[in-house]
């Protein structure tokens, strides 16, 4: 037993002190305080851009529908045109669309496309409209 105590007293001990560990934790906390707000801003910008890109990607599909049928909305007498909405466009023309709503307005010569990503909603009234992007609670869907 005395040999064990003697080896401990004369031997070199390795490890970190409590102060060293606390300094590392403080440094990590400071770095996190800098990095997290920057990351949150990046995520917000990415959601805003994704909503805008989803709407932009749907426009050619809606224009393809117009090229095939000569209008953006169905009328009650045309039984074989299908239903002009996001489900129909996704199933018949472009399965990769990530939009919330596509509607042909009653005139048959205009449309509205809306998409949501994160907290942002983007929409465009076309043809030839500009894409509006805002917080999803501030901008109404089609």
Protein backbone atom coordinates (compact mmCIF):
# COMPACT_ATOMS: atom_id res chain seq x y z
CA UNK A 1 0.00 0.00 0.00
CA UNK A 2 2.83 2.38 0.79
CA UNK A 3 4.31 1.62 -2.62
CA UNK A 4 1.12 2.73 -4.33
CA UNK A 5 1.07 6.06 -2.48
CA UNK A 6 4.78 6.58 -3.17
CA UNK A 7 4.28 5.96 -6.92
CA UNK A 8 1.38 8.40 -7.01
CA UNK A 9 3.38 11.13 -5.25
CA UNK A 10 6.50 10.74 -7.37
CA UNK A 11 4.81 9.90 -10.68
CA UNK A 12 3.70 12.42 -13.21
CA UNK A 13 -0.10 12.76 -13.35
CA UNK A 14 -1.78 13.62 -16.64
CA UNK A 15 -5.12 15.29 -17.33
CA UNK A 16 -6.82 18.67 -17.43
CA UNK A 17 -7.53 20.92 -14.50
CA UNK A 18 -10.96 22.27 -13.80
CA UNK A 19 -9.87 25.77 -14.84
CA UNK A 20 -8.65 24.54 -18.22
CA UNK A 21 -11.96 22.77 -18.85
CA UNK A 22 -13.94 25.87 -17.87
CA UNK A 23 -11.87 28.06 -20.21
CA UNK A 24 -12.62 25.69 -23.11
CA UNK A 25 -16.35 25.71 -22.30
CA UNK A 26 -16.38 29.54 -22.19
CA UNK A 27 -14.59 29.76 -25.54
CA UNK A 28 -17.08 27.32 -27.10
CA UNK A 29 -19.96 29.36 -25.69
CA UNK A 30 -18.57 32.55 -27.23
CA UNK A 31 -18.16 30.86 -30.61
CA UNK A 32 -21.72 29.52 -30.47
CA UNK A 33 -23.06 32.99 -29.61
CA UNK A 34 -21.42 34.27 -32.79
CA UNK A 35 -22.34 31.34 -35.08
CA UNK A 36 -26.00 30.66 -34.19
CA UNK A 37 -27.47 34.05 -35.22
CA UNK A 38 -25.52 33.88 -38.47
CA UNK A 39 -26.91 30.40 -39.17
CA UNK A 40 -30.47 31.50 -38.45
CA UNK A 41 -30.16 34.34 -40.96
CA UNK A 42 -28.80 31.93 -43.55
CA UNK A 43 -31.72 29.55 -43.00
CA UNK A 44 -34.23 32.38 -43.37
CA UNK A 45 -32.71 33.52 -46.67
CA UNK A 46 -32.68 29.91 -47.91
CA UNK A 47 -36.39 29.43 -47.15
CA UNK A 48 -37.26 32.70 -48.90
CA UNK A 49 -35.27 31.72 -51.99
CA UNK A 50 -36.71 28.18 -52.00
CA UNK A 51 -40.30 29.46 -52.02
CA UNK A 52 -39.46 31.79 -54.88
CA UNK A 53 -37.72 29.00 -56.81
CA UNK A 54 -40.70 26.65 -56.37
CA UNK A 55 -43.01 29.22 -57.95
CA UNK A 56 -40.53 29.93 -60.74
CA UNK A 57 -40.26 26.19 -61.47
CA UNK A 58 -44.05 25.83 -61.79
CA UNK A 59 -44.51 28.56 -64.39
CA UNK A 60 -43.34 26.44 -67.38
CA UNK A 61 -45.77 23.68 -66.38
CA UNK A 62 -48.68 26.10 -66.26
CA UNK A 63 -47.64 27.57 -69.60
CA UNK A 64 -47.48 24.02 -71.03
CA UNK A 65 -51.07 23.52 -69.92
CA UNK A 66 -52.01 26.76 -71.66
CA UNK A 67 -50.21 25.67 -74.83
CA UNK A 68 -52.16 22.39 -74.84
CA UNK A 69 -55.60 23.76 -73.95
CA UNK A 70 -55.56 27.44 -74.92
CA UNK A 71 -56.57 28.65 -71.47
CA UNK A 72 -55.48 28.55 -67.84
CA UNK A 73 -58.80 27.46 -66.37
CA UNK A 74 -61.36 24.83 -67.28
CA UNK A 75 -64.93 25.62 -68.09
CA UNK A 76 -67.87 23.41 -67.22
CA UNK A 77 -68.47 22.24 -70.80
CA UNK A 78 -64.99 20.84 -71.44
CA UNK A 79 -65.20 17.40 -69.84
CA UNK A 80 -61.86 16.04 -71.03
CA UNK A 81 -59.54 18.86 -69.96
CA UNK A 82 -59.09 17.67 -66.39
CA UNK A 83 -59.00 19.97 -63.40
CA UNK A 84 -56.52 22.84 -63.45
CA UNK A 85 -54.99 22.76 -59.97
CA UNK A 86 -51.72 21.80 -58.33
CA UNK A 87 -52.67 18.11 -58.02
CA UNK A 88 -53.58 17.82 -61.68
CA UNK A 89 -50.50 19.72 -62.88
CA UNK A 90 -48.26 17.57 -60.65
CA UNK A 91 -49.75 14.31 -61.87
CA UNK A 92 -50.03 15.11 -65.59
CA UNK A 93 -47.26 17.57 -66.41
CA UNK A 94 -44.57 17.84 -63.72
CA UNK A 95 -44.35 15.40 -60.81
CA UNK A 96 -41.51 17.29 -59.16
CA UNK A 97 -43.38 20.50 -58.38
CA UNK A 98 -43.30 21.65 -54.75
CA UNK A 99 -46.11 24.20 -54.85
CA UNK A 100 -48.98 24.77 -52.48
CA UNK A 101 -51.57 25.97 -54.98
CA UNK A 102 -51.97 26.53 -58.69
CA UNK A 103 -55.28 28.01 -59.76
CA UNK A 104 -56.62 29.17 -63.08
CA UNK A 105 -58.61 32.30 -62.50
CA UNK A 106 -62.14 32.55 -63.86
CA UNK A 107 -61.28 34.47 -67.01
CA UNK A 108 -59.21 31.57 -68.33
CA UNK A 109 -56.45 33.97 -69.34
CA UNK A 110 -54.74 34.35 -65.97
CA UNK A 111 -53.38 32.07 -63.25
CA UNK A 112 -51.97 32.19 -59.73
CA UNK A 113 -49.20 30.00 -58.32
CA UNK A 114 -48.35 29.87 -54.60
CA UNK A 115 -45.61 28.00 -52.71
CA UNK A 116 -44.53 27.86 -49.06
CA UNK A 117 -41.07 27.11 -47.68
CA UNK A 118 -40.41 27.50 -43.96
CA UNK A 119 -41.98 30.77 -42.84
CA UNK A 120 -42.14 32.28 -46.33
CA UNK A 121 -44.82 32.22 -49.01
CA UNK A 122 -44.20 33.17 -52.63
CA UNK A 123 -46.86 33.76 -55.25
CA UNK A 124 -47.22 35.05 -58.77
CA UNK A 125 -50.25 36.09 -60.78
CA UNK A 126 -49.59 35.54 -64.42
CA UNK A 127 -48.85 35.53 -67.15
CA UNK A 128 -46.05 38.05 -66.85
CA UNK A 129 -46.48 38.81 -63.15
CA UNK A 130 -43.66 39.33 -60.70
CA UNK A 131 -43.05 36.90 -57.86
CA UNK A 132 -43.97 38.29 -54.44
CA UNK A 133 -42.28 36.79 -51.37
CA UNK A 134 -43.25 37.56 -47.78
CA UNK A 135 -43.84 35.86 -44.47
CA UNK A 136 -46.48 33.18 -44.96
CA UNK A 137 -48.80 34.91 -42.48
CA UNK A 138 -48.56 38.22 -44.35
CA UNK A 139 -49.12 37.01 -47.93
CA UNK A 140 -52.30 35.14 -48.80
CA UNK A 141 -52.33 32.08 -51.01
CA UNK A 142 -54.04 32.04 -54.39
